[in-house]
């Protein structure tokens, strides 16, 4: 089986700072990958490189057997860190999810009936269907994060990248969101890559764990006995 994402000899830098170096990574369809490391370890830069938002100084990125990242970006959904919506923002939950379709159908093009049904299905898949007509600014933090997952899901991507999706949530909402990601991974065979700054929120759910410190210092199963030792070494440096 060929990887759907392949990074080779990647080096990424900006403003005289090297964020990533010597990154070699293959990701396969259906994997659930947790990414952990201290601040400044390159976690977000890794996702940005996969998305084509950061251009490597060195190395290659291949998505779905193609080096044309722009063309294949439509197959990747993205959930940013700490989304916010003003109470007065003039859009309903459903309208925000529909925005996730524009990358696929093109901006300024009118949505078809089937597009609107697809948006409603995405909300149903994240258990937010009953909120579709509610103003987006009237949601709790956990509800808003689920809507962002639905917006990423609506274009039927093969991969969803999430950058610390639980950082602003309380314990119960964190558990709900992590269980939801597991459900989507298992139900739709969507590849999940999720950054989290709490290791204990990754290990019960992910099947593969990446530990980062400017490069990938560990790539294996979350229950590997070396994990805690490697983490201690990383955080001593920081």
C-alpha atoms as a PDB file:
ATOM      1  CA  UNK A   1       0.000   0.000   0.000  1.00  0.00           C
ATOM      2  CA  UNK A   2       1.393   3.384  -1.023  1.00  0.00           C
ATOM      3  CA  UNK A   3       1.411   6.254   1.500  1.00  0.00           C
ATOM      4  CA  UNK A   4      -1.099   9.032   0.889  1.00  0.00           C
ATOM      5  CA  UNK A   5       1.319  11.598   2.330  1.00  0.00           C
ATOM      6  CA  UNK A   6       5.076  11.309   1.949  1.00  0.00           C
ATOM      7  CA  UNK A   7       7.703  13.776   3.189  1.00  0.00           C
ATOM      8  CA  UNK A   8      11.338  13.289   2.210  1.00  0.00           C
ATOM      9  CA  UNK A   9      14.395  15.095   3.633  1.00  0.00           C
ATOM     10  CA  UNK A  10      12.261  18.088   4.630  1.00  0.00           C
ATOM     11  CA  UNK A  11      13.888  21.227   5.991  1.00  0.00           C
ATOM     12  CA  UNK A  12      11.694  24.229   6.824  1.00  0.00           C
ATOM     13  CA  UNK A  13      12.812  27.613   8.087  1.00  0.00           C
ATOM     14  CA  UNK A  14      11.769  31.235   8.360  1.00  0.00           C
ATOM     15  CA  UNK A  15      13.470  34.438   9.568  1.00  0.00           C
ATOM     16  CA  UNK A  16      16.830  32.691  10.109  1.00  0.00           C
ATOM     17  CA  UNK A  17      15.179  30.011  12.259  1.00  0.00           C
ATOM     18  CA  UNK A  18      15.043  26.326  11.337  1.00  0.00           C
ATOM     19  CA  UNK A  19      11.652  24.938  12.360  1.00  0.00           C
ATOM     20  CA  UNK A  20      12.004  21.445  10.893  1.00  0.00           C
ATOM     21  CA  UNK A  21      15.014  19.460   9.767  1.00  0.00           C
ATOM     22  CA  UNK A  22      15.536  15.982   8.366  1.00  0.00           C
ATOM     23  CA  UNK A  23      11.839  15.064   8.301  1.00  0.00           C
ATOM     24  CA  UNK A  24      11.063  11.749   6.636  1.00  0.00           C
ATOM     25  CA  UNK A  25       7.501  10.596   7.108  1.00  0.00           C
ATOM     26  CA  UNK A  26       5.009   8.297   5.385  1.00  0.00           C
ATOM     27  CA  UNK A  27       1.322   8.448   6.323  1.00  0.00           C
ATOM     28  CA  UNK A  28      -1.212   5.831   5.237  1.00  0.00           C
ATOM     29  CA  UNK A  29      -4.958   5.892   4.725  1.00  0.00           C
ATOM     30  CA  UNK A  30      -6.946   5.252   7.895  1.00  0.00           C
ATOM     31  CA  UNK A  31      -4.185   6.030  10.379  1.00  0.00           C
ATOM     32  CA  UNK A  32      -4.863   8.030  13.554  1.00  0.00           C
ATOM     33  CA  UNK A  33      -1.653   9.859  14.378  1.00  0.00           C
ATOM     34  CA  UNK A  34      -1.012  11.906  17.507  1.00  0.00           C
ATOM     35  CA  UNK A  35       1.710  14.581  17.438  1.00  0.00           C
ATOM     36  CA  UNK A  36       3.344  15.721  20.674  1.00  0.00           C
ATOM     37  CA  UNK A  37       6.254  17.948  21.651  1.00  0.00           C
ATOM     38  CA  UNK A  38       7.122  21.158  23.491  1.00  0.00           C
ATOM     39  CA  UNK A  39       6.410  24.642  22.157  1.00  0.00           C
ATOM     40  CA  UNK A  40       8.676  25.400  19.222  1.00  0.00           C
ATOM     41  CA  UNK A  41       9.253  21.742  18.380  1.00  0.00           C
ATOM     42  CA  UNK A  42       7.825  22.077  14.853  1.00  0.00           C
ATOM     43  CA  UNK A  43       4.391  20.493  15.295  1.00  0.00           C
ATOM     44  CA  UNK A  44       2.385  23.243  13.596  1.00  0.00           C
ATOM     45  CA  UNK A  45       5.122  23.715  10.983  1.00  0.00           C
ATOM     46  CA  UNK A  46       4.727  20.042  10.067  1.00  0.00           C
ATOM     47  CA  UNK A  47       0.999  20.462   9.414  1.00  0.00           C
ATOM     48  CA  UNK A  48       1.630  23.708   7.498  1.00  0.00           C
ATOM     49  CA  UNK A  49       4.170  21.925   5.305  1.00  0.00           C
ATOM     50  CA  UNK A  50       1.715  19.129   4.497  1.00  0.00           C
ATOM     51  CA  UNK A  51      -0.912  21.752   3.630  1.00  0.00           C
ATOM     52  CA  UNK A  52       1.538  23.561   1.352  1.00  0.00           C
ATOM     53  CA  UNK A  53       1.377  26.727   3.478  1.00  0.00           C
ATOM     54  CA  UNK A  54       5.103  26.496   4.243  1.00  0.00           C
ATOM     55  CA  UNK A  55       7.475  25.780   1.390  1.00  0.00           C
ATOM     56  CA  UNK A  56      10.462  23.637   2.381  1.00  0.00           C
ATOM     57  CA  UNK A  57      13.975  24.974   1.970  1.00  0.00           C
ATOM     58  CA  UNK A  58      14.891  21.416   1.090  1.00  0.00           C
ATOM     59  CA  UNK A  59      13.062  18.185   0.396  1.00  0.00           C
ATOM     60  CA  UNK A  60       9.788  17.100  -1.188  1.00  0.00           C
ATOM     61  CA  UNK A  61       6.157  16.674  -0.167  1.00  0.00           C
ATOM     62  CA  UNK A  62       3.966  14.222  -2.024  1.00  0.00           C
ATOM     63  CA  UNK A  63       0.185  14.076  -1.539  1.00  0.00           C
ATOM     64  CA  UNK A  64      -1.768  11.178  -3.011  1.00  0.00           C
ATOM     65  CA  UNK A  65       1.131  10.209  -5.315  1.00  0.00           C
ATOM     66  CA  UNK A  66       1.462  13.745  -6.675  1.00  0.00           C
ATOM     67  CA  UNK A  67       3.804  16.665  -6.038  1.00  0.00           C
ATOM     68  CA  UNK A  68       1.017  19.086  -7.010  1.00  0.00           C
ATOM     69  CA  UNK A  69       0.028  20.164  -3.485  1.00  0.00           C
ATOM     70  CA  UNK A  70      -2.425  22.824  -4.627  1.00  0.00           C
ATOM     71  CA  UNK A  71      -4.421  20.314  -6.671  1.00  0.00           C
ATOM     72  CA  UNK A  72      -4.565  17.745  -3.877  1.00  0.00           C
ATOM     73  CA  UNK A  73      -5.146  20.160  -1.006  1.00  0.00           C
ATOM     74  CA  UNK A  74      -8.900  19.605  -1.508  1.00  0.00           C
ATOM     75  CA  UNK A  75      -8.447  16.094  -0.075  1.00  0.00           C
ATOM     76  CA  UNK A  76      -7.281  17.514   3.263  1.00  0.00           C
ATOM     77  CA  UNK A  77      -9.494  19.123   5.892  1.00  0.00           C
ATOM     78  CA  UNK A  78      -7.962  21.435   8.494  1.00  0.00           C
ATOM     79  CA  UNK A  79      -9.147  22.480  11.958  1.00  0.00           C
ATOM     80  CA  UNK A  80      -7.149  25.433  13.342  1.00  0.00           C
ATOM     81  CA  UNK A  81      -6.288  26.116  16.957  1.00  0.00           C
ATOM     82  CA  UNK A  82      -8.750  28.100  19.121  1.00  0.00           C
ATOM     83  CA  UNK A  83     -11.419  29.120  16.595  1.00  0.00           C
ATOM     84  CA  UNK A  84     -13.504  32.076  17.744  1.00  0.00           C
ATOM     85  CA  UNK A  85     -16.784  33.583  16.584  1.00  0.00           C
ATOM     86  CA  UNK A  86     -18.185  36.930  17.683  1.00  0.00           C
ATOM     87  CA  UNK A  87     -21.739  36.804  19.037  1.00  0.00           C
ATOM     88  CA  UNK A  88     -22.767  39.258  16.312  1.00  0.00           C
ATOM     89  CA  UNK A  89     -21.185  37.317  13.429  1.00  0.00           C
ATOM     90  CA  UNK A  90     -23.997  37.104  10.828  1.00  0.00           C
ATOM     91  CA  UNK A  91     -23.886  33.416   9.941  1.00  0.00           C
ATOM     92  CA  UNK A  92     -25.674  30.300  11.079  1.00  0.00           C
ATOM     93  CA  UNK A  93     -23.934  27.064  12.022  1.00  0.00           C
ATOM     94  CA  UNK A  94     -25.018  25.504   8.727  1.00  0.00           C
ATOM     95  CA  UNK A  95     -23.680  28.447   6.711  1.00  0.00           C
ATOM     96  CA  UNK A  96     -20.279  28.153   8.399  1.00  0.00           C
ATOM     97  CA  UNK A  97     -20.101  24.450   7.540  1.00  0.00           C
ATOM     98  CA  UNK A  98     -21.078  25.223   3.938  1.00  0.00           C
ATOM     99  CA  UNK A  99     -18.013  27.474   3.719  1.00  0.00           C
ATOM    100  CA  UNK A 100     -15.938  24.306   3.842  1.00  0.00           C
ATOM    101  CA  UNK A 101     -17.227  23.411   0.359  1.00  0.00           C
ATOM    102  CA  UNK A 102     -15.857  26.460  -1.437  1.00  0.00           C
ATOM    103  CA  UNK A 103     -12.391  24.990  -1.816  1.00  0.00           C
ATOM    104  CA  UNK A 104     -13.963  22.120  -3.731  1.00  0.00           C
ATOM    105  CA  UNK A 105     -16.656  23.840  -5.813  1.00  0.00           C
ATOM    106  CA  UNK A 106     -14.984  27.245  -6.165  1.00  0.00           C
ATOM    107  CA  UNK A 107     -15.547  30.590  -4.464  1.00  0.00           C
ATOM    108  CA  UNK A 108     -18.603  32.685  -5.323  1.00  0.00           C
ATOM    109  CA  UNK A 109     -20.340  29.724  -6.964  1.00  0.00           C
ATOM    110  CA  UNK A 110     -23.877  29.112  -5.691  1.00  0.00           C
ATOM    111  CA  UNK A 111     -24.397  26.015  -3.596  1.00  0.00           C
ATOM    112  CA  UNK A 112     -26.565  23.289  -5.049  1.00  0.00           C
ATOM    113  CA  UNK A 113     -29.250  21.435  -3.111  1.00  0.00           C
ATOM    114  CA  UNK A 114     -26.917  18.438  -2.808  1.00  0.00           C
ATOM    115  CA  UNK A 115     -24.193  20.710  -1.375  1.00  0.00           C
ATOM    116  CA  UNK A 116     -26.545  21.914   1.346  1.00  0.00           C
ATOM    117  CA  UNK A 117     -27.542  18.316   2.120  1.00  0.00           C
ATOM    118  CA  UNK A 118     -23.864  17.421   2.360  1.00  0.00           C
ATOM    119  CA  UNK A 119     -23.348  20.223   4.892  1.00  0.00           C
ATOM    120  CA  UNK A 120     -26.293  18.957   6.941  1.00  0.00           C
ATOM    121  CA  UNK A 121     -24.842  15.434   6.823  1.00  0.00           C
ATOM    122  CA  UNK A 122     -21.480  16.714   8.094  1.00  0.00           C
ATOM    123  CA  UNK A 123     -23.249  18.372  11.031  1.00  0.00           C
ATOM    124  CA  UNK A 124     -25.137  15.142  11.700  1.00  0.00           C
ATOM    125  CA  UNK A 125     -21.855  13.189  11.622  1.00  0.00           C
ATOM    126  CA  UNK A 126     -20.436  15.360  14.417  1.00  0.00           C
ATOM    127  CA  UNK A 127     -23.733  15.231  16.386  1.00  0.00           C
ATOM    128  CA  UNK A 128     -24.522  18.912  15.814  1.00  0.00           C
ATOM    129  CA  UNK A 129     -27.483  18.605  13.421  1.00  0.00           C
ATOM    130  CA  UNK A 130     -29.982  20.230  15.786  1.00  0.00           C
ATOM    131  CA  UNK A 131     -27.816  23.360  15.942  1.00  0.00           C
ATOM    132  CA  UNK A 132     -27.839  24.052  12.192  1.00  0.00           C
ATOM    133  CA  UNK A 133     -29.927  27.237  12.383  1.00  0.00           C
ATOM    134  CA  UNK A 134     -28.290  28.657  15.496  1.00  0.00           C
ATOM    135  CA  UNK A 135     -26.054  31.753  15.070  1.00  0.00           C
ATOM    136  CA  UNK A 136     -22.417  30.589  15.085  1.00  0.00           C
ATOM    137  CA  UNK A 137     -21.545  33.129  17.793  1.00  0.00           C
ATOM    138  CA  UNK A 138     -24.021  31.571  20.218  1.00  0.00           C
ATOM    139  CA  UNK A 139     -22.171  28.274  20.662  1.00  0.00           C
ATOM    140  CA  UNK A 140     -19.985  27.090  23.512  1.00  0.00           C
ATOM    141  CA  UNK A 141     -16.297  26.431  22.845  1.00  0.00           C
ATOM    142  CA  UNK A 142     -16.832  22.696  22.498  1.00  0.00           C
ATOM    143  CA  UNK A 143     -19.809  23.111  20.199  1.00  0.00           C
ATOM    144  CA  UNK A 144     -17.863  25.538  18.014  1.00  0.00           C
ATOM    145  CA  UNK A 145     -14.960  23.117  17.749  1.00  0.00           C
ATOM    146  CA  UNK A 146     -17.328  20.363  16.582  1.00  0.00           C
ATOM    147  CA  UNK A 147     -18.678  22.732  13.926  1.00  0.00           C
ATOM    148  CA  UNK A 148     -15.097  23.366  12.759  1.00  0.00           C
ATOM    149  CA  UNK A 149     -14.637  19.608  12.450  1.00  0.00           C
ATOM    150  CA  UNK A 150     -17.860  19.468  10.401  1.00  0.00           C
ATOM    151  CA  UNK A 151     -16.562  22.261   8.154  1.00  0.00           C
ATOM    152  CA  UNK A 152     -13.378  20.244   7.591  1.00  0.00           C
ATOM    153  CA  UNK A 153     -15.420  17.085   7.023  1.00  0.00           C
ATOM    154  CA  UNK A 154     -17.978  18.511   4.578  1.00  0.00           C
ATOM    155  CA  UNK A 155     -15.747  18.292   1.488  1.00  0.00           C
ATOM    156  CA  UNK A 156     -15.316  14.542   2.159  1.00  0.00           C
ATOM    157  CA  UNK A 157     -11.547  14.714   2.704  1.00  0.00           C
ATOM    158  CA  UNK A 158      -9.295  11.694   3.010  1.00  0.00           C
ATOM    159  CA  UNK A 159      -7.297  13.408   5.761  1.00  0.00           C
ATOM    160  CA  UNK A 160      -8.129  15.833   8.583  1.00  0.00           C
ATOM    161  CA  UNK A 161      -5.377  17.807  10.330  1.00  0.00           C
ATOM    162  CA  UNK A 162      -6.142  19.323  13.741  1.00  0.00           C
ATOM    163  CA  UNK A 163      -3.887  21.791  15.559  1.00  0.00           C
ATOM    164  CA  UNK A 164      -4.454  21.489  19.330  1.00  0.00           C
ATOM    165  CA  UNK A 165      -8.254  21.227  19.001  1.00  0.00           C
ATOM    166  CA  UNK A 166      -8.814  20.747  22.746  1.00  0.00           C
ATOM    167  CA  UNK A 167      -6.663  23.586  24.109  1.00  0.00           C
ATOM    168  CA  UNK A 168      -9.594  25.844  25.103  1.00  0.00           C
ATOM    169  CA  UNK A 169     -12.067  23.148  26.177  1.00  0.00           C
ATOM    170  CA  UNK A 170     -13.120  21.807  29.545  1.00  0.00           C
ATOM    171  CA  UNK A 171     -12.567  18.152  30.470  1.00  0.00           C
ATOM    172  CA  UNK A 172     -15.961  16.823  29.352  1.00  0.00           C
ATOM    173  CA  UNK A 173     -15.794  18.584  25.974  1.00  0.00           C
ATOM    174  CA  UNK A 174     -12.227  17.341  25.477  1.00  0.00           C
ATOM    175  CA  UNK A 175     -13.350  13.747  25.987  1.00  0.00           C
ATOM    176  CA  UNK A 176     -16.314  14.216  23.640  1.00  0.00           C
ATOM    177  CA  UNK A 177     -14.139  15.694  20.908  1.00  0.00           C
ATOM    178  CA  UNK A 178     -11.431  13.021  21.114  1.00  0.00           C
ATOM    179  CA  UNK A 179     -14.084  10.287  21.016  1.00  0.00           C
ATOM    180  CA  UNK A 180     -15.680  12.010  18.014  1.00  0.00           C
ATOM    181  CA  UNK A 181     -12.366  11.954  16.115  1.00  0.00           C
ATOM    182  CA  UNK A 182     -12.034   8.242  16.854  1.00  0.00           C
ATOM    183  CA  UNK A 183     -15.567   7.685  15.583  1.00  0.00           C
ATOM    184  CA  UNK A 184     -14.866   9.547  12.316  1.00  0.00           C
ATOM    185  CA  UNK A 185     -11.601   7.664  11.845  1.00  0.00           C
ATOM    186  CA  UNK A 186     -13.263   4.283  12.299  1.00  0.00           C
ATOM    187  CA  UNK A 187     -16.529   5.035  10.487  1.00  0.00           C
ATOM    188  CA  UNK A 188     -15.141   6.772   7.394  1.00  0.00           C
ATOM    189  CA  UNK A 189     -11.516   5.515   7.354  1.00  0.00           C
ATOM    190  CA  UNK A 190     -10.378   9.151   7.450  1.00  0.00           C
ATOM    191  CA  UNK A 191      -6.730   9.659   8.292  1.00  0.00           C
ATOM    192  CA  UNK A 192      -6.430  11.840  11.404  1.00  0.00           C
ATOM    193  CA  UNK A 193      -3.373  13.886  12.404  1.00  0.00           C
ATOM    194  CA  UNK A 194      -3.909  15.713  15.670  1.00  0.00           C
ATOM    195  CA  UNK A 195      -1.543  17.900  17.690  1.00  0.00           C
ATOM    196  CA  UNK A 196      -2.133  17.988  21.419  1.00  0.00           C
ATOM    197  CA  UNK A 197      -0.051  19.487  24.233  1.00  0.00           C
ATOM    198  CA  UNK A 198      -1.306  16.820  26.669  1.00  0.00           C
ATOM    199  CA  UNK A 199       0.083  13.374  25.937  1.00  0.00           C
ATOM    200  CA  UNK A 200      -2.611  11.685  28.019  1.00  0.00           C
ATOM    201  CA  UNK A 201      -5.212  13.036  25.564  1.00  0.00           C
ATOM    202  CA  UNK A 202      -3.475  11.296  22.659  1.00  0.00           C
ATOM    203  CA  UNK A 203      -2.368   7.883  23.915  1.00  0.00           C
ATOM    204  CA  UNK A 204      -5.867   6.410  24.574  1.00  0.00           C
ATOM    205  CA  UNK A 205      -6.998   7.280  21.058  1.00  0.00           C
ATOM    206  CA  UNK A 206      -4.193   7.384  18.488  1.00  0.00           C
ATOM    207  CA  UNK A 207      -2.694   4.272  16.913  1.00  0.00           C
ATOM    208  CA  UNK A 208       0.598   5.989  16.058  1.00  0.00           C
ATOM    209  CA  UNK A 209       2.520   8.643  17.955  1.00  0.00           C
ATOM    210  CA  UNK A 210       5.056  11.176  16.682  1.00  0.00           C
ATOM    211  CA  UNK A 211       7.292  12.930  19.228  1.00  0.00           C
ATOM    212  CA  UNK A 212       8.909  16.072  17.854  1.00  0.00           C
ATOM    213  CA  UNK A 213      11.841  18.300  18.711  1.00  0.00           C
ATOM    214  CA  UNK A 214      12.629  20.093  15.459  1.00  0.00           C
ATOM    215  CA  UNK A 215      12.626  16.690  13.857  1.00  0.00           C
ATOM    216  CA  UNK A 216      10.787  13.417  14.517  1.00  0.00           C
ATOM    217  CA  UNK A 217      12.553  11.835  17.474  1.00  0.00           C
ATOM    218  CA  UNK A 218      10.056   8.999  17.912  1.00  0.00           C
ATOM    219  CA  UNK A 219       7.589   7.359  15.528  1.00  0.00           C
ATOM    220  CA  UNK A 220       5.780   4.349  16.906  1.00  0.00           C
ATOM    221  CA  UNK A 221       2.940   3.090  19.051  1.00  0.00           C
ATOM    222  CA  UNK A 222       1.838   5.236  22.016  1.00  0.00           C
ATOM    223  CA  UNK A 223       2.345   2.379  24.500  1.00  0.00           C
ATOM    224  CA  UNK A 224       6.038   1.939  23.597  1.00  0.00           C
ATOM    225  CA  UNK A 225       8.134   1.838  26.783  1.00  0.00           C
ATOM    226  CA  UNK A 226      10.608   4.374  25.337  1.00  0.00           C
ATOM    227  CA  UNK A 227       8.046   7.176  25.052  1.00  0.00           C
ATOM    228  CA  UNK A 228       8.342   8.612  28.571  1.00  0.00           C
ATOM    229  CA  UNK A 229      12.136   8.435  28.513  1.00  0.00           C
ATOM    230  CA  UNK A 230      12.299  10.294  25.179  1.00  0.00           C
ATOM    231  CA  UNK A 231       9.825  12.928  26.406  1.00  0.00           C
ATOM    232  CA  UNK A 232      11.943  13.531  29.508  1.00  0.00           C
ATOM    233  CA  UNK A 233      15.014  14.041  27.297  1.00  0.00           C
ATOM    234  CA  UNK A 234      13.165  16.502  25.048  1.00  0.00           C
ATOM    235  CA  UNK A 235      11.803  18.634  27.880  1.00  0.00           C
ATOM    236  CA  UNK A 236      15.155  18.754  29.694  1.00  0.00           C
ATOM    237  CA  UNK A 237      16.540  20.526  26.597  1.00  0.00           C
ATOM    238  CA  UNK A 238      13.725  23.079  26.744  1.00  0.00           C
END
